[in-house]
C-alpha cells in the first residue's frame, strides 16, 4: 500500500501509531533534513572534482544519518550509536535511511546491494517486520550460525525497537527525487516487500557552496567504501 503524504497536512494513522505526538513534525522535518544533507553532499561533490560520484554518495549517507539524529535530539528522543553510526530512535522506532537509486525509480524496484554490510542486513531482518509465516527463509549464502546471527536484535539499538525504513533516490545534479517511508521487509533475493508505505513530499533544496565541501573534507567525510553500504 502506498499513500502520498503531505509535508503540511495531518500525519497518517500509520505515522501516529509509530511516532505518536512527533508524527506531524517528522513529516515536515524529514524532507527538510534530506534537502540539507543533499546540499552538504553536493558541496563535497563539487570540491572533489571527480567524475565518479562516490564522494557525493558517501557524504549524503552520513549527512542524512546525522541530520535525522539532530531531529531526534530536538524532539527529546533517543539517538543510538550502532557500530560507530548514529541512528534516530523516536518512540521506540528507528529511522533507517537508504538511498536505493541514483535516479528516479519505483519503490518496488528497490534492492539492497550485494555488498551491503552485515549490520544493515541484520537491522532489516531483526528489527523489521517478520515474514508472514513468522519464519525466515534460509539463505544459501550463509551458514546456520551466520544466519542466526543476522536475525539477532541489536541491544545497542534496543531489542524491542522496530525499524521504519526511509527510502529515497538522489543524484548530485537533480538532488532528492522522491522520498518514501514505511514498513519494509527484506526478502532473500535482496528485494523488499512493503506491508505499508507512504510518499513524502520533497523539500526545496538550496545548494551549498563548495566551501562547505572543503570544511567537510577537513572534518573527514566518510570514505567511498562505507557510504550506502553501511
N, C-alpha and C. Protein backbone atom coordinates (compact mmCIF):
# COMPACT_ATOMS: atom_id res chain seq x y z
N UNK A 1 0.84 -1.19 0.00
CA UNK A 1 0.00 0.00 0.00
C UNK A 1 0.88 1.24 0.00
N UNK A 2 0.54 2.21 -0.81
CA UNK A 2 1.31 3.44 -0.87
C UNK A 2 0.37 4.62 -0.82
N UNK A 3 0.72 5.61 0.01
CA UNK A 3 -0.11 6.79 0.17
C UNK A 3 0.75 8.01 -0.03
N UNK A 4 0.28 8.97 -0.80
CA UNK A 4 1.01 10.21 -0.99
C UNK A 4 0.76 11.11 0.21
N UNK A 5 1.83 11.41 0.93
CA UNK A 5 1.70 12.24 2.12
C UNK A 5 1.83 13.71 1.78
N UNK A 6 1.64 14.54 2.78
CA UNK A 6 1.79 15.99 2.62
C UNK A 6 2.66 16.52 3.75
N UNK A 7 3.65 17.34 3.41
CA UNK A 7 4.53 17.89 4.42
C UNK A 7 3.80 18.88 5.33
N UNK A 8 2.66 19.38 4.90
CA UNK A 8 1.94 20.36 5.70
C UNK A 8 0.60 19.83 6.21
N UNK A 9 0.23 18.64 5.81
CA UNK A 9 -1.05 18.09 6.22
C UNK A 9 -0.92 17.28 7.50
N UNK A 10 -2.02 16.65 7.88
CA UNK A 10 -2.02 15.82 9.08
C UNK A 10 -1.30 14.51 8.80
N UNK A 11 -0.54 14.01 9.78
CA UNK A 11 0.13 12.73 9.58
C UNK A 11 -0.89 11.60 9.50
N UNK A 12 -0.52 10.55 8.83
CA UNK A 12 -1.42 9.40 8.69
C UNK A 12 -1.56 8.65 10.00
N UNK A 13 -2.57 7.80 10.08
CA UNK A 13 -2.75 6.97 11.27
C UNK A 13 -1.54 6.06 11.47
N UNK A 14 -0.98 5.58 10.36
CA UNK A 14 0.22 4.73 10.45
C UNK A 14 1.35 5.48 11.13
N UNK A 15 1.59 6.74 10.72
CA UNK A 15 2.67 7.53 11.29
C UNK A 15 2.43 7.82 12.77
N UNK A 16 1.19 8.11 13.13
CA UNK A 16 0.87 8.40 14.53
C UNK A 16 1.06 7.16 15.40
N UNK A 17 0.71 5.98 14.88
CA UNK A 17 0.90 4.75 15.65
C UNK A 17 2.38 4.50 15.93
N UNK A 18 3.24 4.90 15.05
CA UNK A 18 4.67 4.65 15.23
C UNK A 18 5.39 5.77 15.98
N UNK A 19 5.03 7.01 15.70
CA UNK A 19 5.79 8.12 16.26
C UNK A 19 5.00 8.99 17.23
N UNK A 20 3.75 8.64 17.48
CA UNK A 20 2.97 9.36 18.46
C UNK A 20 2.85 10.84 18.15
N UNK A 21 3.05 11.67 19.18
CA UNK A 21 2.88 13.12 19.04
C UNK A 21 3.92 13.76 18.13
N UNK A 22 4.99 13.03 17.79
CA UNK A 22 6.03 13.58 16.92
C UNK A 22 5.76 13.32 15.43
N UNK A 23 4.72 12.61 15.12
CA UNK A 23 4.49 12.21 13.73
C UNK A 23 4.38 13.40 12.79
N UNK A 24 3.61 14.40 13.17
CA UNK A 24 3.43 15.56 12.30
C UNK A 24 4.74 16.30 12.06
N UNK A 25 5.52 16.46 13.11
CA UNK A 25 6.81 17.16 12.95
C UNK A 25 7.75 16.37 12.04
N UNK A 26 7.75 15.06 12.14
CA UNK A 26 8.63 14.24 11.31
C UNK A 26 8.26 14.34 9.83
N UNK A 27 6.96 14.39 9.55
CA UNK A 27 6.52 14.52 8.15
C UNK A 27 7.10 15.79 7.54
N UNK A 28 7.25 16.84 8.35
CA UNK A 28 7.85 18.09 7.86
C UNK A 28 9.37 18.04 7.90
N UNK A 29 9.93 17.50 8.98
CA UNK A 29 11.38 17.57 9.20
C UNK A 29 12.18 16.65 8.30
N UNK A 30 11.66 15.47 8.00
CA UNK A 30 12.45 14.51 7.21
C UNK A 30 12.80 15.05 5.83
N UNK A 31 11.84 15.58 5.06
CA UNK A 31 12.22 16.15 3.75
C UNK A 31 13.20 17.31 3.89
N UNK A 32 13.03 18.14 4.94
CA UNK A 32 13.94 19.26 5.15
C UNK A 32 15.35 18.76 5.44
N UNK A 33 15.47 17.73 6.26
CA UNK A 33 16.79 17.22 6.61
C UNK A 33 17.46 16.52 5.44
N UNK A 34 16.69 15.85 4.60
CA UNK A 34 17.27 15.25 3.41
C UNK A 34 17.76 16.33 2.44
N UNK A 35 17.01 17.42 2.33
CA UNK A 35 17.44 18.52 1.47
C UNK A 35 18.74 19.13 1.97
N UNK A 36 18.86 19.31 3.28
CA UNK A 36 20.11 19.85 3.84
C UNK A 36 21.27 18.88 3.61
N UNK A 37 20.99 17.61 3.76
CA UNK A 37 22.03 16.60 3.54
C UNK A 37 22.51 16.62 2.09
N UNK A 38 21.57 16.78 1.16
CA UNK A 38 21.96 16.86 -0.25
C UNK A 38 22.85 18.07 -0.50
N UNK A 39 22.53 19.21 0.11
CA UNK A 39 23.33 20.42 -0.08
C UNK A 39 24.76 20.18 0.37
N UNK A 40 24.93 19.51 1.50
CA UNK A 40 26.28 19.23 2.01
C UNK A 40 27.00 18.26 1.07
N UNK A 41 26.31 17.23 0.63
CA UNK A 41 26.94 16.25 -0.25
C UNK A 41 27.28 16.85 -1.60
N UNK A 42 26.42 17.73 -2.10
CA UNK A 42 26.68 18.39 -3.38
C UNK A 42 27.93 19.26 -3.29
N UNK A 43 28.11 19.95 -2.15
CA UNK A 43 29.29 20.77 -1.97
C UNK A 43 30.56 19.93 -1.99
N UNK A 44 30.53 18.78 -1.34
CA UNK A 44 31.68 17.87 -1.35
C UNK A 44 31.94 17.37 -2.76
N UNK A 45 30.87 17.07 -3.48
CA UNK A 45 30.99 16.59 -4.87
C UNK A 45 31.69 17.64 -5.74
N UNK A 46 31.33 18.90 -5.58
CA UNK A 46 31.96 19.96 -6.36
C UNK A 46 33.42 20.13 -5.98
N UNK A 47 33.71 20.03 -4.70
CA UNK A 47 35.08 20.20 -4.24
C UNK A 47 35.99 19.07 -4.73
N UNK A 48 35.45 17.85 -4.76
CA UNK A 48 36.25 16.69 -5.16
C UNK A 48 36.65 16.76 -6.63
N UNK A 49 35.79 17.34 -7.47
CA UNK A 49 36.06 17.47 -8.90
C UNK A 49 36.38 16.11 -9.54
N UNK A 50 35.63 15.12 -9.16
CA UNK A 50 35.80 13.78 -9.71
C UNK A 50 34.62 13.42 -10.59
N UNK A 51 34.88 12.59 -11.60
CA UNK A 51 33.78 12.11 -12.42
C UNK A 51 32.93 11.11 -11.64
N UNK A 52 33.60 10.30 -10.81
CA UNK A 52 32.85 9.34 -10.00
C UNK A 52 32.06 10.07 -8.92
N UNK A 53 30.96 9.46 -8.53
CA UNK A 53 30.06 10.12 -7.58
C UNK A 53 30.18 9.56 -6.16
N UNK A 54 31.23 8.80 -5.91
CA UNK A 54 31.34 8.21 -4.57
C UNK A 54 31.45 9.25 -3.46
N UNK A 55 32.14 10.40 -3.66
CA UNK A 55 32.14 11.40 -2.58
C UNK A 55 30.73 11.89 -2.25
N UNK A 56 29.91 12.06 -3.29
CA UNK A 56 28.53 12.51 -3.05
C UNK A 56 27.75 11.46 -2.27
N UNK A 57 27.81 10.21 -2.72
CA UNK A 57 27.01 9.17 -2.08
C UNK A 57 27.40 8.90 -0.65
N UNK A 58 28.70 8.84 -0.37
CA UNK A 58 29.14 8.55 0.99
C UNK A 58 28.83 9.71 1.93
N UNK A 59 29.03 10.95 1.44
CA UNK A 59 28.72 12.11 2.27
C UNK A 59 27.22 12.23 2.52
N UNK A 60 26.42 11.97 1.50
CA UNK A 60 24.97 12.04 1.65
C UNK A 60 24.49 11.04 2.70
N UNK A 61 25.00 9.82 2.64
CA UNK A 61 24.57 8.79 3.60
C UNK A 61 24.85 9.22 5.03
N UNK A 62 26.05 9.74 5.27
CA UNK A 62 26.42 10.15 6.62
C UNK A 62 25.66 11.40 7.05
N UNK A 63 25.50 12.36 6.13
CA UNK A 63 24.79 13.59 6.47
C UNK A 63 23.33 13.33 6.80
N UNK A 64 22.69 12.42 6.08
CA UNK A 64 21.30 12.08 6.37
C UNK A 64 21.19 11.49 7.78
N UNK A 65 22.08 10.56 8.12
CA UNK A 65 22.03 9.98 9.47
C UNK A 65 22.22 11.05 10.53
N UNK A 66 23.21 11.93 10.32
CA UNK A 66 23.47 12.99 11.30
C UNK A 66 22.27 13.92 11.44
N UNK A 67 21.68 14.30 10.33
CA UNK A 67 20.56 15.23 10.37
C UNK A 67 19.35 14.62 11.07
N UNK A 68 19.09 13.34 10.80
CA UNK A 68 17.97 12.69 11.47
C UNK A 68 18.23 12.55 12.97
N UNK A 69 19.49 12.31 13.33
CA UNK A 69 19.85 12.25 14.74
C UNK A 69 19.62 13.61 15.40
N UNK A 70 19.96 14.68 14.70
CA UNK A 70 19.72 16.03 15.23
C UNK A 70 18.23 16.25 15.46
N UNK A 71 17.41 15.78 14.53
CA UNK A 71 15.96 15.93 14.70
C UNK A 71 15.48 15.17 15.93
N UNK A 72 15.99 13.97 16.13
CA UNK A 72 15.60 13.18 17.31
C UNK A 72 15.96 13.94 18.59
N UNK A 73 17.14 14.54 18.63
CA UNK A 73 17.56 15.29 19.82
C UNK A 73 16.65 16.50 20.04
N UNK A 74 16.30 17.18 18.96
CA UNK A 74 15.42 18.34 19.07
C UNK A 74 14.06 17.95 19.65
N UNK A 75 13.63 16.74 19.34
CA UNK A 75 12.34 16.25 19.84
C UNK A 75 12.45 15.64 21.23
N UNK A 76 13.66 15.59 21.78
CA UNK A 76 13.85 14.99 23.09
C UNK A 76 13.82 13.47 23.05
N UNK A 77 14.11 12.90 21.89
CA UNK A 77 14.09 11.45 21.73
C UNK A 77 15.51 10.90 21.68
N UNK A 78 15.64 9.60 21.46
CA UNK A 78 16.93 8.93 21.59
C UNK A 78 17.73 8.94 20.30
N UNK A 79 19.05 8.91 20.46
CA UNK A 79 19.99 8.68 19.37
C UNK A 79 20.88 7.53 19.81
N UNK A 80 20.91 6.46 19.04
CA UNK A 80 21.67 5.27 19.41
C UNK A 80 22.87 5.11 18.48
N UNK A 81 24.02 4.79 19.10
CA UNK A 81 25.23 4.55 18.34
C UNK A 81 25.33 3.07 18.02
N UNK A 82 25.37 2.76 16.74
CA UNK A 82 25.43 1.38 16.31
C UNK A 82 26.63 1.20 15.40
N UNK A 83 27.64 0.54 15.92
CA UNK A 83 28.87 0.29 15.17
C UNK A 83 29.48 1.58 14.63
N UNK A 84 29.41 2.65 15.44
CA UNK A 84 30.01 3.92 15.04
C UNK A 84 29.11 4.83 14.24
N UNK A 85 27.87 4.43 14.00
CA UNK A 85 26.92 5.24 13.24
C UNK A 85 25.72 5.57 14.12
N UNK A 86 25.27 6.82 14.06
CA UNK A 86 24.15 7.26 14.87
C UNK A 86 22.83 7.03 14.14
N UNK A 87 21.85 6.52 14.88
CA UNK A 87 20.51 6.34 14.32
C UNK A 87 19.49 7.00 15.24
N UNK A 88 18.56 7.72 14.63
CA UNK A 88 17.47 8.35 15.38
C UNK A 88 16.46 7.28 15.78
N UNK A 89 16.12 7.25 17.07
CA UNK A 89 15.11 6.32 17.58
C UNK A 89 14.03 7.16 18.26
N UNK A 90 12.86 7.18 17.65
CA UNK A 90 11.77 8.03 18.12
C UNK A 90 10.57 7.15 18.46
N UNK A 91 10.14 7.23 19.72
CA UNK A 91 9.02 6.42 20.18
C UNK A 91 9.29 4.93 19.91
N UNK A 92 10.53 4.50 20.19
CA UNK A 92 10.95 3.11 20.01
C UNK A 92 10.91 2.65 18.55
N UNK A 93 11.02 3.58 17.63
CA UNK A 93 11.11 3.25 16.21
C UNK A 93 12.34 3.93 15.63
N UNK A 94 13.24 3.13 15.06
CA UNK A 94 14.48 3.64 14.49
C UNK A 94 14.27 3.98 13.02
N UNK A 95 14.76 5.15 12.62
CA UNK A 95 14.70 5.55 11.22
C UNK A 95 15.89 4.94 10.48
N UNK A 96 15.61 4.22 9.42
CA UNK A 96 16.63 3.53 8.63
C UNK A 96 16.68 4.16 7.24
N UNK A 97 17.58 5.15 7.03
CA UNK A 97 17.64 5.81 5.71
C UNK A 97 18.42 4.98 4.71
N UNK A 98 17.96 4.98 3.48
CA UNK A 98 18.62 4.19 2.43
C UNK A 98 18.36 4.81 1.07
N UNK A 99 19.44 5.25 0.39
CA UNK A 99 19.32 5.73 -0.99
C UNK A 99 19.35 4.51 -1.89
N UNK A 100 18.22 4.22 -2.52
CA UNK A 100 18.13 2.97 -3.27
C UNK A 100 18.41 3.11 -4.76
N UNK A 101 18.63 4.34 -5.22
CA UNK A 101 18.96 4.52 -6.63
C UNK A 101 19.50 5.92 -6.86
N UNK A 102 20.28 6.07 -7.94
CA UNK A 102 20.81 7.37 -8.33
C UNK A 102 19.89 8.12 -9.27
N UNK A 103 18.79 7.51 -9.62
CA UNK A 103 17.80 8.14 -10.50
C UNK A 103 16.41 7.77 -10.01
N UNK A 104 15.42 8.50 -10.50
CA UNK A 104 14.06 8.22 -10.08
C UNK A 104 13.67 6.80 -10.49
N UNK A 105 13.26 6.02 -9.53
CA UNK A 105 12.94 4.61 -9.77
C UNK A 105 11.79 4.21 -8.84
N UNK A 106 10.84 3.39 -9.31
CA UNK A 106 9.73 2.97 -8.45
C UNK A 106 10.24 2.26 -7.20
N UNK A 107 9.55 2.48 -6.10
CA UNK A 107 9.92 1.86 -4.83
C UNK A 107 9.97 0.34 -4.95
N UNK A 108 9.10 -0.22 -5.76
CA UNK A 108 9.03 -1.68 -5.90
C UNK A 108 10.31 -2.26 -6.50
N UNK A 109 11.13 -1.41 -7.10
CA UNK A 109 12.37 -1.89 -7.71
C UNK A 109 13.59 -1.68 -6.81
N UNK A 110 13.35 -1.24 -5.58
CA UNK A 110 14.46 -1.05 -4.64
C UNK A 110 15.07 -2.41 -4.30
N UNK A 111 16.38 -2.42 -4.17
CA UNK A 111 17.10 -3.66 -3.90
C UNK A 111 18.33 -3.35 -3.06
N UNK A 112 18.59 -4.16 -2.07
CA UNK A 112 19.77 -3.99 -1.24
C UNK A 112 20.99 -4.46 -2.02
N UNK A 113 22.07 -3.69 -1.96
CA UNK A 113 23.28 -4.04 -2.70
C UNK A 113 23.84 -5.38 -2.22
N UNK A 114 24.44 -6.12 -3.13
CA UNK A 114 25.01 -7.42 -2.79
C UNK A 114 26.11 -7.30 -1.75
N UNK A 115 26.83 -6.16 -1.75
CA UNK A 115 27.91 -5.98 -0.80
C UNK A 115 27.48 -5.15 0.42
N UNK A 116 26.18 -5.06 0.67
CA UNK A 116 25.70 -4.33 1.84
C UNK A 116 26.27 -4.96 3.11
N UNK A 117 26.53 -4.15 4.09
CA UNK A 117 27.17 -4.62 5.31
C UNK A 117 26.26 -5.57 6.08
N UNK A 118 26.85 -6.51 6.83
CA UNK A 118 26.05 -7.38 7.70
C UNK A 118 25.21 -6.59 8.70
N UNK A 119 25.70 -5.41 9.11
CA UNK A 119 24.94 -4.58 10.04
C UNK A 119 23.61 -4.16 9.44
N UNK A 120 23.65 -3.72 8.18
CA UNK A 120 22.41 -3.31 7.52
C UNK A 120 21.46 -4.49 7.36
N UNK A 121 21.99 -5.61 6.93
CA UNK A 121 21.15 -6.80 6.77
C UNK A 121 20.51 -7.19 8.10
N UNK A 122 21.32 -7.17 9.15
CA UNK A 122 20.82 -7.58 10.46
C UNK A 122 19.76 -6.61 10.98
N UNK A 123 19.95 -5.32 10.76
CA UNK A 123 18.94 -4.35 11.19
C UNK A 123 17.61 -4.63 10.49
N UNK A 124 17.66 -4.85 9.18
CA UNK A 124 16.45 -5.09 8.42
C UNK A 124 15.77 -6.39 8.81
N UNK A 125 16.56 -7.43 9.03
CA UNK A 125 15.99 -8.75 9.31
C UNK A 125 15.49 -8.89 10.74
N UNK A 126 16.21 -8.28 11.69
CA UNK A 126 15.84 -8.49 13.09
C UNK A 126 14.94 -7.41 13.67
N UNK A 127 14.96 -6.20 13.08
CA UNK A 127 14.13 -5.11 13.61
C UNK A 127 13.00 -4.72 12.66
N UNK A 128 13.00 -5.28 11.46
CA UNK A 128 11.92 -5.01 10.51
C UNK A 128 10.77 -5.97 10.70
N UNK A 129 9.73 -5.85 9.89
CA UNK A 129 8.57 -6.75 10.01
C UNK A 129 8.95 -8.19 9.67
N UNK A 130 8.39 -9.12 10.39
CA UNK A 130 8.69 -10.53 10.15
C UNK A 130 7.93 -11.03 8.91
N UNK A 131 8.45 -12.10 8.30
CA UNK A 131 7.71 -12.71 7.18
C UNK A 131 6.32 -13.13 7.63
N UNK A 132 5.41 -13.24 6.68
CA UNK A 132 4.02 -13.54 7.01
C UNK A 132 3.88 -14.88 7.73
N UNK A 133 4.75 -15.85 7.40
CA UNK A 133 4.64 -17.14 8.06
C UNK A 133 5.40 -17.20 9.38
N UNK A 134 6.05 -16.05 9.74
CA UNK A 134 6.75 -15.98 11.01
C UNK A 134 8.12 -16.61 10.99
N UNK A 135 8.56 -17.15 9.85
CA UNK A 135 9.85 -17.80 9.74
C UNK A 135 10.71 -17.09 8.72
N UNK A 136 12.01 -17.09 8.95
CA UNK A 136 12.94 -16.51 8.00
C UNK A 136 13.43 -17.59 7.06
N UNK A 137 13.27 -17.45 5.75
CA UNK A 137 13.78 -18.45 4.82
C UNK A 137 15.30 -18.49 4.87
N UNK A 138 15.86 -19.66 4.85
CA UNK A 138 17.30 -19.83 4.93
C UNK A 138 17.95 -19.39 3.62
N UNK A 139 18.99 -18.59 3.74
CA UNK A 139 19.73 -18.10 2.58
C UNK A 139 20.97 -18.97 2.41
N UNK A 140 21.15 -19.53 1.24
CA UNK A 140 22.27 -20.43 0.99
C UNK A 140 23.62 -19.74 1.14
N UNK A 141 23.61 -18.40 1.15
CA UNK A 141 24.86 -17.66 1.24
C UNK A 141 25.50 -17.79 2.61
N UNK A 142 24.72 -18.15 3.62
CA UNK A 142 25.21 -18.16 4.99
C UNK A 142 25.15 -19.54 5.60
N UNK A 143 26.05 -19.77 6.58
CA UNK A 143 25.98 -20.97 7.40
C UNK A 143 24.85 -20.79 8.40
N UNK A 144 24.49 -21.84 9.10
CA UNK A 144 23.42 -21.76 10.09
C UNK A 144 23.75 -20.74 11.17
N UNK A 145 25.00 -20.74 11.63
CA UNK A 145 25.41 -19.81 12.68
C UNK A 145 25.35 -18.37 12.20
N UNK A 146 25.86 -18.12 10.98
CA UNK A 146 25.80 -16.78 10.41
C UNK A 146 24.35 -16.33 10.20
N UNK A 147 23.53 -17.26 9.79
CA UNK A 147 22.12 -16.99 9.55
C UNK A 147 21.43 -16.57 10.85
N UNK A 148 21.72 -17.30 11.93
CA UNK A 148 21.11 -16.97 13.22
C UNK A 148 21.60 -15.62 13.73
N UNK A 149 22.89 -15.33 13.50
CA UNK A 149 23.43 -14.04 13.94
C UNK A 149 22.73 -12.88 13.25
N UNK A 150 22.39 -13.06 11.98
CA UNK A 150 21.75 -11.98 11.22
C UNK A 150 20.35 -11.66 11.74
N UNK A 151 19.77 -12.57 12.52
CA UNK A 151 18.41 -12.36 13.00
C UNK A 151 18.36 -12.07 14.49
N UNK A 152 19.52 -11.75 15.07
CA UNK A 152 19.56 -11.30 16.45
C UNK A 152 19.38 -9.79 16.48
N UNK A 153 18.60 -9.32 17.44
CA UNK A 153 18.38 -7.88 17.56
C UNK A 153 19.62 -7.21 18.14
N UNK A 154 19.77 -5.94 17.84
CA UNK A 154 20.88 -5.15 18.38
C UNK A 154 20.48 -4.56 19.73
N UNK A 155 21.19 -4.96 20.79
CA UNK A 155 20.91 -4.39 22.10
C UNK A 155 21.20 -2.89 22.11
N UNK A 156 22.24 -2.48 21.36
CA UNK A 156 22.59 -1.06 21.32
C UNK A 156 21.46 -0.23 20.71
N UNK A 157 20.74 -0.82 19.78
CA UNK A 157 19.63 -0.13 19.15
C UNK A 157 18.38 -0.21 20.02
N UNK A 158 18.31 -1.29 20.82
CA UNK A 158 17.13 -1.56 21.63
C UNK A 158 16.46 -2.81 21.11
N UNK A 159 16.47 -3.87 21.90
CA UNK A 159 15.96 -5.16 21.41
C UNK A 159 14.52 -5.07 20.93
N UNK A 160 13.72 -4.20 21.55
CA UNK A 160 12.32 -4.08 21.17
C UNK A 160 12.07 -3.00 20.13
N UNK A 161 13.13 -2.31 19.71
CA UNK A 161 12.99 -1.22 18.74
C UNK A 161 12.61 -1.76 17.36
N UNK A 162 11.64 -1.14 16.75
CA UNK A 162 11.21 -1.52 15.39
C UNK A 162 11.79 -0.55 14.38
N UNK A 163 11.94 -1.02 13.17
CA UNK A 163 12.53 -0.22 12.11
C UNK A 163 11.45 0.44 11.25
N UNK A 164 11.65 1.71 10.96
CA UNK A 164 10.86 2.40 9.94
C UNK A 164 11.82 2.77 8.82
N UNK A 165 11.59 2.24 7.65
CA UNK A 165 12.51 2.46 6.53
C UNK A 165 12.20 3.78 5.84
N UNK A 166 13.26 4.51 5.53
CA UNK A 166 13.18 5.80 4.85
C UNK A 166 13.99 5.67 3.57
N UNK A 167 13.32 5.38 2.47
CA UNK A 167 13.98 5.12 1.19
C UNK A 167 13.84 6.35 0.29
N UNK A 168 14.91 6.67 -0.44
CA UNK A 168 14.87 7.82 -1.34
C UNK A 168 15.84 7.61 -2.49
N UNK A 169 15.67 8.41 -3.53
CA UNK A 169 16.61 8.42 -4.65
C UNK A 169 17.17 9.83 -4.77
N UNK A 170 18.41 9.92 -5.25
CA UNK A 170 19.06 11.22 -5.34
C UNK A 170 20.28 11.15 -6.24
N UNK A 171 20.67 12.31 -6.78
CA UNK A 171 21.92 12.41 -7.52
C UNK A 171 22.44 13.83 -7.35
N UNK A 172 23.73 14.07 -7.63
CA UNK A 172 24.30 15.40 -7.37
C UNK A 172 23.60 16.53 -8.12
N UNK A 173 23.23 16.30 -9.37
CA UNK A 173 22.63 17.36 -10.16
C UNK A 173 21.14 17.54 -9.86
N UNK A 174 20.42 16.44 -9.69
CA UNK A 174 18.98 16.51 -9.51
C UNK A 174 18.52 16.60 -8.07
N UNK A 175 19.44 16.32 -7.13
CA UNK A 175 19.07 16.36 -5.72
C UNK A 175 18.20 15.17 -5.33
N UNK A 176 17.37 15.38 -4.31
CA UNK A 176 16.46 14.34 -3.85
C UNK A 176 15.27 14.27 -4.81
N UNK A 177 15.02 13.10 -5.38
CA UNK A 177 13.93 12.96 -6.35
C UNK A 177 12.62 12.58 -5.68
N UNK A 178 12.68 11.59 -4.79
CA UNK A 178 11.46 11.03 -4.19
C UNK A 178 11.82 10.46 -2.81
N UNK A 179 10.86 10.51 -1.89
CA UNK A 179 11.06 10.01 -0.52
C UNK A 179 9.88 9.10 -0.16
N UNK A 180 10.20 7.93 0.33
CA UNK A 180 9.18 7.01 0.84
C UNK A 180 9.55 6.61 2.26
N UNK A 181 8.55 6.39 3.10
CA UNK A 181 8.82 5.75 4.38
C UNK A 181 7.72 4.75 4.68
N UNK A 182 8.03 3.76 5.49
CA UNK A 182 7.05 2.72 5.79
C UNK A 182 7.69 1.50 6.41
N UNK A 183 6.97 0.40 6.37
CA UNK A 183 7.45 -0.89 6.89
C UNK A 183 7.94 -1.72 5.73
N UNK A 184 9.23 -2.05 5.73
CA UNK A 184 9.82 -2.79 4.62
C UNK A 184 10.43 -4.09 5.14
N UNK A 185 10.13 -5.17 4.47
CA UNK A 185 10.67 -6.48 4.82
C UNK A 185 11.69 -6.90 3.77
N UNK A 186 12.91 -7.19 4.21
CA UNK A 186 13.96 -7.64 3.30
C UNK A 186 13.73 -9.09 2.92
N UNK A 187 13.71 -9.37 1.63
CA UNK A 187 13.50 -10.72 1.13
C UNK A 187 14.84 -11.39 0.81
N UNK A 188 14.85 -12.74 0.68
CA UNK A 188 16.11 -13.44 0.40
C UNK A 188 16.83 -12.98 -0.85
N UNK A 189 16.09 -12.48 -1.85
CA UNK A 189 16.73 -12.03 -3.09
C UNK A 189 17.15 -10.56 -3.02
N UNK A 190 17.11 -9.98 -1.82
CA UNK A 190 17.53 -8.61 -1.55
C UNK A 190 16.54 -7.56 -2.05
N UNK A 191 15.36 -7.98 -2.47
CA UNK A 191 14.29 -7.04 -2.76
C UNK A 191 13.52 -6.77 -1.47
N UNK A 192 12.53 -5.91 -1.56
CA UNK A 192 11.76 -5.55 -0.37
C UNK A 192 10.26 -5.73 -0.61
N UNK A 193 9.59 -6.20 0.43
CA UNK A 193 8.13 -6.23 0.44
C UNK A 193 7.66 -5.17 1.42
N UNK A 194 6.69 -4.36 0.99
CA UNK A 194 6.22 -3.25 1.81
C UNK A 194 4.79 -3.53 2.30
N UNK A 195 4.62 -3.97 3.54
CA UNK A 195 3.26 -4.08 4.08
C UNK A 195 2.55 -2.73 4.08
N UNK A 196 3.35 -1.64 4.22
CA UNK A 196 2.76 -0.30 4.18
C UNK A 196 3.85 0.69 3.81
N UNK A 197 3.49 1.67 2.97
CA UNK A 197 4.44 2.74 2.63
C UNK A 197 3.68 4.01 2.33
N UNK A 198 4.36 5.13 2.54
CA UNK A 198 3.83 6.44 2.20
C UNK A 198 4.91 7.23 1.46
N UNK A 199 4.48 8.13 0.61
CA UNK A 199 5.41 9.01 -0.08
C UNK A 199 5.34 10.39 0.56
N UNK A 200 6.50 10.92 0.92
CA UNK A 200 6.59 12.26 1.48
C UNK A 200 6.95 13.25 0.39
N UNK A 201 6.48 14.47 0.53
CA UNK A 201 6.82 15.49 -0.43
C UNK A 201 8.29 15.88 -0.28
N UNK A 202 8.92 16.24 -1.38
CA UNK A 202 10.33 16.64 -1.37
C UNK A 202 10.43 18.12 -1.07
N UNK A 203 11.33 18.49 -0.17
CA UNK A 203 11.50 19.89 0.20
C UNK A 203 12.38 20.62 -0.81
N UNK A 204 12.30 21.94 -0.81
CA UNK A 204 13.17 22.77 -1.63
C UNK A 204 14.62 22.50 -1.22
N UNK A 205 15.51 22.42 -2.22
CA UNK A 205 16.88 22.02 -1.95
C UNK A 205 17.87 23.10 -2.36
N UNK A 206 18.15 24.06 -1.47
CA UNK A 206 19.17 25.07 -1.78
C UNK A 206 20.53 24.42 -1.78
N UNK A 207 21.37 24.76 -2.76
CA UNK A 207 22.69 24.15 -2.87
C UNK A 207 23.70 24.93 -2.04
N UNK A 208 24.57 24.18 -1.34
CA UNK A 208 25.61 24.81 -0.54
C UNK A 208 26.79 25.18 -1.42
N UNK A 209 27.65 26.04 -0.91
CA UNK A 209 28.84 26.46 -1.66
C UNK A 209 29.93 25.40 -1.53
N UNK A 210 30.88 25.36 -2.48
CA UNK A 210 31.99 24.42 -2.38
C UNK A 210 32.79 24.58 -1.09
N UNK A 211 32.76 25.77 -0.47
CA UNK A 211 33.49 25.98 0.78
C UNK A 211 33.02 25.01 1.85
N UNK A 212 31.72 24.70 1.86
CA UNK A 212 31.21 23.74 2.82
C UNK A 212 31.78 22.36 2.55
N UNK A 213 31.98 22.05 1.28
CA UNK A 213 32.58 20.77 0.94
C UNK A 213 34.00 20.67 1.46
N UNK A 214 34.77 21.78 1.36
CA UNK A 214 36.13 21.77 1.89
C UNK A 214 36.12 21.61 3.39
N UNK A 215 35.13 22.19 4.07
CA UNK A 215 35.01 22.05 5.51
C UNK A 215 34.77 20.60 5.88
N UNK A 216 33.88 19.93 5.14
CA UNK A 216 33.62 18.52 5.41
C UNK A 216 34.85 17.68 5.15
N UNK A 217 35.63 18.04 4.12
CA UNK A 217 36.85 17.29 3.82
C UNK A 217 37.83 17.40 4.97
N UNK A 218 37.93 18.60 5.58
CA UNK A 218 38.82 18.79 6.72
C UNK A 218 38.34 17.97 7.91
N UNK A 219 37.03 17.96 8.14
CA UNK A 219 36.46 17.18 9.24
C UNK A 219 36.64 15.69 9.04
N UNK A 220 36.76 15.29 7.77
CA UNK A 220 36.93 13.87 7.48
C UNK A 220 35.62 13.22 7.12
N UNK A 221 35.13 13.49 5.91
CA UNK A 221 33.89 12.87 5.47
C UNK A 221 34.12 11.39 5.24
N UNK A 222 33.09 10.54 5.33
CA UNK A 222 33.25 9.10 5.20
C UNK A 222 33.77 8.71 3.83
N UNK A 223 34.58 7.69 3.77
CA UNK A 223 35.16 7.23 2.51
C UNK A 223 34.17 6.51 1.66
N UNK A 224 34.48 6.33 0.39
CA UNK A 224 33.55 5.71 -0.55
C UNK A 224 33.30 4.23 -0.29
N UNK A 225 34.12 3.60 0.59
CA UNK A 225 33.89 2.19 0.88
C UNK A 225 32.77 1.98 1.86
N UNK A 226 32.34 3.07 2.56
CA UNK A 226 31.24 2.92 3.51
C UNK A 226 29.95 3.36 2.83
N UNK A 227 29.69 4.67 2.84
CA UNK A 227 28.55 5.20 2.13
C UNK A 227 27.26 4.45 2.36
N UNK A 228 26.63 4.07 1.26
CA UNK A 228 25.35 3.39 1.34
C UNK A 228 25.47 1.94 1.74
N UNK A 229 26.70 1.42 1.86
CA UNK A 229 26.85 0.03 2.26
C UNK A 229 26.56 -0.14 3.74
N UNK A 230 26.87 0.89 4.55
CA UNK A 230 26.67 0.76 5.99
C UNK A 230 25.19 0.77 6.33
